[in-house]
């Protein structure tokens, strides 16, 4: 088992971080977490392995996650990439994540597309990760460790296309309902600075919002939600996926 991994994760609602931690616990004794939601450049500790974990939004890596990865220094560092998605599809996201990693100097030794609960329609993938997922990630971690021990430097081939598909278009932002106590939790966590407290009201800039749902997840009063028409539309669109069991995919 490795001594230490650095989990660099962009995890607005916690699902991506959870999947990254599962992998890291199976390959290393200690985990250092670098929170890519933070806007400032962060120091990176020396570790045996860097794990880059990002969610999938509409088949792509969120623009804010890409921006934060570009602030990392991967020179001379080996990395495992994890694209985490809510059942629908991951499309170009894993290839994009790998290309971002390589542009920063990381040597990508293994990759995975992992399935978790959907952040907007939580009934989709509600039981993920399940016991079988945990077994698969454990097995993947062992294979990655064996590859590192053997000194094999081959880069995994992953699905995806260049040019990437167009980024997801945000049609509406989460809104703040009655009961807001103006604690600024949503303002502070927003990775794109799309939310502000102005004249006693929470306002959101549609042009900056990436619909990451971090603000809804962090709201202590649970009054930060998607507009009803949008939530109903997402429920209708993604509802059929409730019965779909997508398999994790691993690339070494």
C-alpha atoms as a PDB file:
ATOM      1  CA  UNK A   1       0.000   0.000   0.000  1.00  0.00           C
ATOM      2  CA  UNK A   2       1.197   3.517  -0.793  1.00  0.00           C
ATOM      3  CA  UNK A   3       2.023   5.903   2.037  1.00  0.00           C
ATOM      4  CA  UNK A   4       0.091   8.969   0.904  1.00  0.00           C
ATOM      5  CA  UNK A   5      -2.194  10.130  -1.908  1.00  0.00           C
ATOM      6  CA  UNK A   6      -3.262  13.658  -2.763  1.00  0.00           C
ATOM      7  CA  UNK A   7      -6.946  13.671  -3.685  1.00  0.00           C
ATOM      8  CA  UNK A   8      -7.574  16.773  -5.797  1.00  0.00           C
ATOM      9  CA  UNK A   9     -11.334  16.888  -6.203  1.00  0.00           C
ATOM     10  CA  UNK A  10     -13.988  19.241  -7.494  1.00  0.00           C
ATOM     11  CA  UNK A  11     -17.001  17.990  -5.576  1.00  0.00           C
ATOM     12  CA  UNK A  12     -19.918  20.454  -5.262  1.00  0.00           C
ATOM     13  CA  UNK A  13     -22.342  18.047  -3.552  1.00  0.00           C
ATOM     14  CA  UNK A  14     -19.867  15.569  -2.046  1.00  0.00           C
ATOM     15  CA  UNK A  15     -20.413  12.613  -4.369  1.00  0.00           C
ATOM     16  CA  UNK A  16     -17.180  12.994  -6.317  1.00  0.00           C
ATOM     17  CA  UNK A  17     -15.122  13.401  -3.151  1.00  0.00           C
ATOM     18  CA  UNK A  18     -16.749  10.297  -1.677  1.00  0.00           C
ATOM     19  CA  UNK A  19     -15.827   8.186  -4.696  1.00  0.00           C
ATOM     20  CA  UNK A  20     -12.304   9.567  -4.675  1.00  0.00           C
ATOM     21  CA  UNK A  21     -11.891   8.760  -0.992  1.00  0.00           C
ATOM     22  CA  UNK A  22     -13.058   5.186  -1.562  1.00  0.00           C
ATOM     23  CA  UNK A  23     -10.322   4.703  -4.145  1.00  0.00           C
ATOM     24  CA  UNK A  24      -7.666   6.430  -2.044  1.00  0.00           C
ATOM     25  CA  UNK A  25      -8.461   4.373   1.054  1.00  0.00           C
ATOM     26  CA  UNK A  26      -7.848   1.231  -0.968  1.00  0.00           C
ATOM     27  CA  UNK A  27      -4.434   2.307  -2.233  1.00  0.00           C
ATOM     28  CA  UNK A  28      -2.846   4.440   0.489  1.00  0.00           C
ATOM     29  CA  UNK A  29      -2.494   4.790   4.226  1.00  0.00           C
ATOM     30  CA  UNK A  30      -3.057   8.557   4.313  1.00  0.00           C
ATOM     31  CA  UNK A  31      -5.087  10.962   2.162  1.00  0.00           C
ATOM     32  CA  UNK A  32      -4.415  14.655   1.668  1.00  0.00           C
ATOM     33  CA  UNK A  33      -7.453  16.419   0.174  1.00  0.00           C
ATOM     34  CA  UNK A  34      -7.057  19.418  -2.115  1.00  0.00           C
ATOM     35  CA  UNK A  35     -10.473  21.050  -2.491  1.00  0.00           C
ATOM     36  CA  UNK A  36     -10.750  22.366  -6.048  1.00  0.00           C
ATOM     37  CA  UNK A  37     -13.929  24.278  -5.197  1.00  0.00           C
ATOM     38  CA  UNK A  38     -11.637  26.859  -3.645  1.00  0.00           C
ATOM     39  CA  UNK A  39     -10.800  29.703  -5.974  1.00  0.00           C
ATOM     40  CA  UNK A  40      -7.238  30.374  -4.859  1.00  0.00           C
ATOM     41  CA  UNK A  41      -4.152  28.414  -5.887  1.00  0.00           C
ATOM     42  CA  UNK A  42      -3.221  25.845  -3.255  1.00  0.00           C
ATOM     43  CA  UNK A  43       0.067  24.314  -2.172  1.00  0.00           C
ATOM     44  CA  UNK A  44       0.410  20.610  -2.932  1.00  0.00           C
ATOM     45  CA  UNK A  45       2.130  18.241  -0.542  1.00  0.00           C
ATOM     46  CA  UNK A  46       4.541  15.643  -1.865  1.00  0.00           C
ATOM     47  CA  UNK A  47       2.673  12.361  -2.201  1.00  0.00           C
ATOM     48  CA  UNK A  48       3.146   8.970  -3.845  1.00  0.00           C
ATOM     49  CA  UNK A  49       0.176   9.532  -6.145  1.00  0.00           C
ATOM     50  CA  UNK A  50      -2.209  12.307  -7.177  1.00  0.00           C
ATOM     51  CA  UNK A  51      -5.862  11.426  -7.735  1.00  0.00           C
ATOM     52  CA  UNK A  52      -7.773  13.914  -9.892  1.00  0.00           C
ATOM     53  CA  UNK A  53     -11.533  13.519  -9.421  1.00  0.00           C
ATOM     54  CA  UNK A  54     -14.179  15.594 -11.181  1.00  0.00           C
ATOM     55  CA  UNK A  55     -17.928  15.290 -11.803  1.00  0.00           C
ATOM     56  CA  UNK A  56     -19.461  15.054 -15.254  1.00  0.00           C
ATOM     57  CA  UNK A  57     -21.819  17.822 -16.374  1.00  0.00           C
ATOM     58  CA  UNK A  58     -23.495  17.104 -19.703  1.00  0.00           C
ATOM     59  CA  UNK A  59     -20.682  14.833 -20.838  1.00  0.00           C
ATOM     60  CA  UNK A  60     -17.926  17.342 -19.991  1.00  0.00           C
ATOM     61  CA  UNK A  61     -15.757  18.380 -17.070  1.00  0.00           C
ATOM     62  CA  UNK A  62     -17.213  21.559 -15.473  1.00  0.00           C
ATOM     63  CA  UNK A  63     -15.409  24.676 -16.664  1.00  0.00           C
ATOM     64  CA  UNK A  64     -14.611  25.700 -13.093  1.00  0.00           C
ATOM     65  CA  UNK A  65     -13.053  22.291 -12.403  1.00  0.00           C
ATOM     66  CA  UNK A  66     -10.924  22.631 -15.530  1.00  0.00           C
ATOM     67  CA  UNK A  67      -9.779  26.076 -14.399  1.00  0.00           C
ATOM     68  CA  UNK A  68      -8.714  24.726 -10.991  1.00  0.00           C
ATOM     69  CA  UNK A  69      -6.852  21.767 -12.494  1.00  0.00           C
ATOM     70  CA  UNK A  70      -4.916  24.230 -14.641  1.00  0.00           C
ATOM     71  CA  UNK A  71      -3.623  25.757 -11.397  1.00  0.00           C
ATOM     72  CA  UNK A  72      -1.990  22.470 -10.315  1.00  0.00           C
ATOM     73  CA  UNK A  73       1.632  21.545 -10.905  1.00  0.00           C
ATOM     74  CA  UNK A  74       1.897  17.947 -12.063  1.00  0.00           C
ATOM     75  CA  UNK A  75       5.524  17.922 -13.130  1.00  0.00           C
ATOM     76  CA  UNK A  76       7.081  14.587 -12.231  1.00  0.00           C
ATOM     77  CA  UNK A  77       3.881  13.306 -10.597  1.00  0.00           C
ATOM     78  CA  UNK A  78       1.897  10.191 -11.396  1.00  0.00           C
ATOM     79  CA  UNK A  79      -1.885  10.545 -11.436  1.00  0.00           C
ATOM     80  CA  UNK A  80      -5.081   8.531 -11.521  1.00  0.00           C
ATOM     81  CA  UNK A  81      -8.106  10.276 -13.010  1.00  0.00           C
ATOM     82  CA  UNK A  82     -11.702   9.685 -11.925  1.00  0.00           C
ATOM     83  CA  UNK A  83     -14.731  11.012 -13.811  1.00  0.00           C
ATOM     84  CA  UNK A  84     -17.796  10.627 -11.589  1.00  0.00           C
ATOM     85  CA  UNK A  85     -21.262  10.743 -13.118  1.00  0.00           C
ATOM     86  CA  UNK A  86     -24.907  10.199 -12.226  1.00  0.00           C
ATOM     87  CA  UNK A  87     -25.818   7.247 -14.473  1.00  0.00           C
ATOM     88  CA  UNK A  88     -26.661   9.083 -17.727  1.00  0.00           C
ATOM     89  CA  UNK A  89     -23.278   9.106 -19.562  1.00  0.00           C
ATOM     90  CA  UNK A  90     -19.759  10.456 -19.242  1.00  0.00           C
ATOM     91  CA  UNK A  91     -19.083  10.960 -22.976  1.00  0.00           C
ATOM     92  CA  UNK A  92     -15.970  13.161 -23.442  1.00  0.00           C
ATOM     93  CA  UNK A  93     -15.377  13.935 -19.762  1.00  0.00           C
ATOM     94  CA  UNK A  94     -12.720  11.338 -18.963  1.00  0.00           C
ATOM     95  CA  UNK A  95     -10.696  12.134 -22.080  1.00  0.00           C
ATOM     96  CA  UNK A  96     -10.964  15.839 -21.274  1.00  0.00           C
ATOM     97  CA  UNK A  97      -9.828  15.204 -17.691  1.00  0.00           C
ATOM     98  CA  UNK A  98      -6.833  13.191 -18.896  1.00  0.00           C
ATOM     99  CA  UNK A  99      -5.838  15.850 -21.385  1.00  0.00           C
ATOM    100  CA  UNK A 100      -6.084  18.535 -18.696  1.00  0.00           C
ATOM    101  CA  UNK A 101      -3.902  16.419 -16.408  1.00  0.00           C
ATOM    102  CA  UNK A 102      -1.248  15.911 -19.073  1.00  0.00           C
ATOM    103  CA  UNK A 103      -1.224  19.608 -19.931  1.00  0.00           C
ATOM    104  CA  UNK A 104      -0.251  20.277 -16.308  1.00  0.00           C
ATOM    105  CA  UNK A 105       2.580  17.764 -16.455  1.00  0.00           C
ATOM    106  CA  UNK A 106       0.934  14.785 -14.753  1.00  0.00           C
ATOM    107  CA  UNK A 107       1.680  11.283 -15.984  1.00  0.00           C
ATOM    108  CA  UNK A 108      -1.700   9.534 -16.075  1.00  0.00           C
ATOM    109  CA  UNK A 109      -1.264   5.859 -15.161  1.00  0.00           C
ATOM    110  CA  UNK A 110      -4.910   4.805 -14.770  1.00  0.00           C
ATOM    111  CA  UNK A 111      -8.430   6.165 -15.160  1.00  0.00           C
ATOM    112  CA  UNK A 112     -11.977   5.289 -14.215  1.00  0.00           C
ATOM    113  CA  UNK A 113     -15.525   6.401 -14.924  1.00  0.00           C
ATOM    114  CA  UNK A 114     -17.474   5.828 -11.710  1.00  0.00           C
ATOM    115  CA  UNK A 115     -21.226   5.899 -11.178  1.00  0.00           C
ATOM    116  CA  UNK A 116     -22.841   7.632  -8.220  1.00  0.00           C
ATOM    117  CA  UNK A 117     -26.164   9.206  -7.283  1.00  0.00           C
ATOM    118  CA  UNK A 118     -27.316  12.030  -9.547  1.00  0.00           C
ATOM    119  CA  UNK A 119     -27.013  15.454  -7.925  1.00  0.00           C
ATOM    120  CA  UNK A 120     -30.199  16.957  -9.409  1.00  0.00           C
ATOM    121  CA  UNK A 121     -32.454  13.877  -9.498  1.00  0.00           C
ATOM    122  CA  UNK A 122     -31.200  11.831  -6.519  1.00  0.00           C
ATOM    123  CA  UNK A 123     -33.596   8.972  -7.251  1.00  0.00           C
ATOM    124  CA  UNK A 124     -31.339   8.209 -10.230  1.00  0.00           C
ATOM    125  CA  UNK A 125     -28.508   6.037  -8.976  1.00  0.00           C
ATOM    126  CA  UNK A 126     -29.949   6.269  -5.477  1.00  0.00           C
ATOM    127  CA  UNK A 127     -28.151   3.131  -4.270  1.00  0.00           C
ATOM    128  CA  UNK A 128     -24.778   3.946  -5.800  1.00  0.00           C
ATOM    129  CA  UNK A 129     -22.096   3.209  -4.857  1.00  0.00           C
ATOM    130  CA  UNK A 130     -23.314  -0.243  -3.842  1.00  0.00           C
ATOM    131  CA  UNK A 131     -21.405  -3.254  -2.492  1.00  0.00           C
ATOM    132  CA  UNK A 132     -20.377  -4.368  -5.969  1.00  0.00           C
ATOM    133  CA  UNK A 133     -19.072  -0.882  -6.777  1.00  0.00           C
ATOM    134  CA  UNK A 134     -16.898  -1.000  -3.668  1.00  0.00           C
ATOM    135  CA  UNK A 135     -15.454  -4.367  -4.679  1.00  0.00           C
ATOM    136  CA  UNK A 136     -14.690  -3.122  -8.179  1.00  0.00           C
ATOM    137  CA  UNK A 137     -12.935   0.005  -6.907  1.00  0.00           C
ATOM    138  CA  UNK A 138     -10.907  -2.083  -4.462  1.00  0.00           C
ATOM    139  CA  UNK A 139      -9.818  -4.369  -7.295  1.00  0.00           C
ATOM    140  CA  UNK A 140      -8.964  -1.373  -9.470  1.00  0.00           C
ATOM    141  CA  UNK A 141      -6.840   0.123  -6.681  1.00  0.00           C
ATOM    142  CA  UNK A 142      -4.868  -3.111  -6.349  1.00  0.00           C
ATOM    143  CA  UNK A 143      -4.187  -3.193 -10.085  1.00  0.00           C
ATOM    144  CA  UNK A 144      -3.054   0.420 -10.048  1.00  0.00           C
ATOM    145  CA  UNK A 145      -0.719  -0.299  -7.131  1.00  0.00           C
ATOM    146  CA  UNK A 146       0.721  -3.287  -8.998  1.00  0.00           C
ATOM    147  CA  UNK A 147       1.323  -1.110 -12.053  1.00  0.00           C
ATOM    148  CA  UNK A 148       3.081   1.529  -9.983  1.00  0.00           C
ATOM    149  CA  UNK A 149       5.210  -1.091  -8.226  1.00  0.00           C
ATOM    150  CA  UNK A 150       6.212  -2.608 -11.555  1.00  0.00           C
ATOM    151  CA  UNK A 151       7.232   0.811 -12.836  1.00  0.00           C
ATOM    152  CA  UNK A 152       5.002   0.536 -15.904  1.00  0.00           C
ATOM    153  CA  UNK A 153       4.499   3.962 -17.460  1.00  0.00           C
ATOM    154  CA  UNK A 154       1.935   3.283 -20.177  1.00  0.00           C
ATOM    155  CA  UNK A 155      -0.935   5.742 -20.452  1.00  0.00           C
ATOM    156  CA  UNK A 156      -4.462   4.276 -20.522  1.00  0.00           C
ATOM    157  CA  UNK A 157      -6.587   4.776 -23.625  1.00  0.00           C
ATOM    158  CA  UNK A 158      -9.995   6.172 -22.672  1.00  0.00           C
ATOM    159  CA  UNK A 159     -13.177   6.872 -24.679  1.00  0.00           C
ATOM    160  CA  UNK A 160     -14.040  10.332 -25.915  1.00  0.00           C
ATOM    161  CA  UNK A 161     -13.728  12.649 -28.867  1.00  0.00           C
ATOM    162  CA  UNK A 162     -11.813  15.792 -29.776  1.00  0.00           C
ATOM    163  CA  UNK A 163     -13.232  18.316 -30.356  1.00  0.00           C
ATOM    164  CA  UNK A 164     -15.308  17.734 -27.233  1.00  0.00           C
ATOM    165  CA  UNK A 165     -19.070  18.064 -27.260  1.00  0.00           C
ATOM    166  CA  UNK A 166     -20.442  21.546 -26.581  1.00  0.00           C
ATOM    167  CA  UNK A 167     -20.584  22.538 -22.885  1.00  0.00           C
ATOM    168  CA  UNK A 168     -23.856  22.168 -21.025  1.00  0.00           C
ATOM    169  CA  UNK A 169     -26.086  25.244 -21.310  1.00  0.00           C
ATOM    170  CA  UNK A 170     -27.546  26.560 -18.047  1.00  0.00           C
ATOM    171  CA  UNK A 171     -31.134  27.711 -18.608  1.00  0.00           C
ATOM    172  CA  UNK A 172     -31.914  28.708 -15.025  1.00  0.00           C
ATOM    173  CA  UNK A 173     -30.205  28.899 -11.660  1.00  0.00           C
ATOM    174  CA  UNK A 174     -31.213  27.646  -8.215  1.00  0.00           C
ATOM    175  CA  UNK A 175     -33.407  30.117  -6.326  1.00  0.00           C
ATOM    176  CA  UNK A 176     -33.735  31.029  -2.657  1.00  0.00           C
ATOM    177  CA  UNK A 177     -37.131  30.464  -1.062  1.00  0.00           C
ATOM    178  CA  UNK A 178     -38.649  32.003   2.074  1.00  0.00           C
ATOM    179  CA  UNK A 179     -36.860  31.014   5.242  1.00  0.00           C
ATOM    180  CA  UNK A 180     -33.389  32.134   4.155  1.00  0.00           C
ATOM    181  CA  UNK A 181     -31.388  33.325   7.171  1.00  0.00           C
ATOM    182  CA  UNK A 182     -28.722  35.009   5.001  1.00  0.00           C
ATOM    183  CA  UNK A 183     -25.941  32.880   6.439  1.00  0.00           C
ATOM    184  CA  UNK A 184     -23.987  33.284   3.179  1.00  0.00           C
ATOM    185  CA  UNK A 185     -23.178  29.574   2.993  1.00  0.00           C
ATOM    186  CA  UNK A 186     -24.275  29.526  -0.656  1.00  0.00           C
ATOM    187  CA  UNK A 187     -22.262  32.663  -1.407  1.00  0.00           C
ATOM    188  CA  UNK A 188     -19.113  31.254   0.164  1.00  0.00           C
ATOM    189  CA  UNK A 189     -19.213  27.835  -1.492  1.00  0.00           C
ATOM    190  CA  UNK A 190     -20.070  28.889  -5.050  1.00  0.00           C
ATOM    191  CA  UNK A 191     -17.019  27.970  -7.154  1.00  0.00           C
ATOM    192  CA  UNK A 192     -17.742  30.573  -9.823  1.00  0.00           C
ATOM    193  CA  UNK A 193     -18.757  33.476  -7.563  1.00  0.00           C
ATOM    194  CA  UNK A 194     -22.175  33.490  -9.195  1.00  0.00           C
ATOM    195  CA  UNK A 195     -24.045  34.141  -5.925  1.00  0.00           C
ATOM    196  CA  UNK A 196     -24.120  37.371  -3.942  1.00  0.00           C
ATOM    197  CA  UNK A 197     -26.057  38.959  -1.091  1.00  0.00           C
ATOM    198  CA  UNK A 198     -27.358  42.285  -2.359  1.00  0.00           C
ATOM    199  CA  UNK A 199     -29.771  44.581  -0.508  1.00  0.00           C
ATOM    200  CA  UNK A 200     -30.765  41.773   1.823  1.00  0.00           C
ATOM    201  CA  UNK A 201     -31.486  39.291  -0.982  1.00  0.00           C
ATOM    202  CA  UNK A 202     -29.593  36.362  -2.473  1.00  0.00           C
ATOM    203  CA  UNK A 203     -29.053  36.929  -6.198  1.00  0.00           C
ATOM    204  CA  UNK A 204     -27.506  34.573  -8.756  1.00  0.00           C
ATOM    205  CA  UNK A 205     -25.772  35.456 -12.016  1.00  0.00           C
ATOM    206  CA  UNK A 206     -27.037  33.112 -14.742  1.00  0.00           C
ATOM    207  CA  UNK A 207     -23.952  33.762 -16.882  1.00  0.00           C
ATOM    208  CA  UNK A 208     -21.652  32.513 -14.121  1.00  0.00           C
ATOM    209  CA  UNK A 209     -23.744  29.621 -12.739  1.00  0.00           C
ATOM    210  CA  UNK A 210     -22.643  26.133 -13.852  1.00  0.00           C
ATOM    211  CA  UNK A 211     -25.542  24.369 -12.091  1.00  0.00           C
ATOM    212  CA  UNK A 212     -23.199  22.436  -9.826  1.00  0.00           C
ATOM    213  CA  UNK A 213     -25.794  22.352  -7.002  1.00  0.00           C
ATOM    214  CA  UNK A 214     -23.223  23.152  -4.317  1.00  0.00           C
ATOM    215  CA  UNK A 215     -25.427  25.948  -3.003  1.00  0.00           C
ATOM    216  CA  UNK A 216     -28.429  23.647  -2.591  1.00  0.00           C
ATOM    217  CA  UNK A 217     -26.364  20.997  -0.838  1.00  0.00           C
ATOM    218  CA  UNK A 218     -24.826  23.424   1.679  1.00  0.00           C
ATOM    219  CA  UNK A 219     -27.968  25.401   2.569  1.00  0.00           C
ATOM    220  CA  UNK A 220     -28.700  24.693   6.267  1.00  0.00           C
ATOM    221  CA  UNK A 221     -32.358  25.703   5.929  1.00  0.00           C
ATOM    222  CA  UNK A 222     -32.910  23.673   2.718  1.00  0.00           C
ATOM    223  CA  UNK A 223     -34.453  26.720   1.026  1.00  0.00           C
ATOM    224  CA  UNK A 224     -32.013  26.864  -1.893  1.00  0.00           C
ATOM    225  CA  UNK A 225     -33.655  24.846  -4.686  1.00  0.00           C
ATOM    226  CA  UNK A 226     -34.113  24.617  -8.436  1.00  0.00           C
ATOM    227  CA  UNK A 227     -37.158  26.469  -9.810  1.00  0.00           C
ATOM    228  CA  UNK A 228     -40.104  24.057  -9.840  1.00  0.00           C
ATOM    229  CA  UNK A 229     -40.505  23.983 -13.661  1.00  0.00           C
ATOM    230  CA  UNK A 230     -36.823  23.150 -14.093  1.00  0.00           C
ATOM    231  CA  UNK A 231     -36.830  20.455 -11.395  1.00  0.00           C
ATOM    232  CA  UNK A 232     -39.949  18.900 -12.887  1.00  0.00           C
ATOM    233  CA  UNK A 233     -38.365  18.960 -16.328  1.00  0.00           C
ATOM    234  CA  UNK A 234     -35.221  17.254 -15.044  1.00  0.00           C
ATOM    235  CA  UNK A 235     -37.328  14.663 -13.230  1.00  0.00           C
ATOM    236  CA  UNK A 236     -39.182  13.883 -16.446  1.00  0.00           C
ATOM    237  CA  UNK A 237     -36.012  13.789 -18.557  1.00  0.00           C
ATOM    238  CA  UNK A 238     -33.934  11.655 -16.230  1.00  0.00           C
ATOM    239  CA  UNK A 239     -36.738   9.650 -14.619  1.00  0.00           C
ATOM    240  CA  UNK A 240     -36.328   6.664 -16.976  1.00  0.00           C
ATOM    241  CA  UNK A 241     -32.749   6.269 -15.729  1.00  0.00           C
ATOM    242  CA  UNK A 242     -34.013   5.237 -12.279  1.00  0.00           C
ATOM    243  CA  UNK A 243     -34.154   1.649 -13.498  1.00  0.00           C
ATOM    244  CA  UNK A 244     -30.806   1.770 -15.339  1.00  0.00           C
ATOM    245  CA  UNK A 245     -27.728   0.174 -13.777  1.00  0.00           C
ATOM    246  CA  UNK A 246     -24.689   1.631 -15.514  1.00  0.00           C
ATOM    247  CA  UNK A 247     -21.410  -0.211 -15.014  1.00  0.00           C
ATOM    248  CA  UNK A 248     -18.221   1.452 -13.810  1.00  0.00           C
ATOM    249  CA  UNK A 249     -15.433   1.461 -16.381  1.00  0.00           C
ATOM    250  CA  UNK A 250     -11.741   1.081 -15.585  1.00  0.00           C
ATOM    251  CA  UNK A 251      -8.698   1.797 -17.734  1.00  0.00           C
ATOM    252  CA  UNK A 252      -5.148   0.796 -16.807  1.00  0.00           C
END
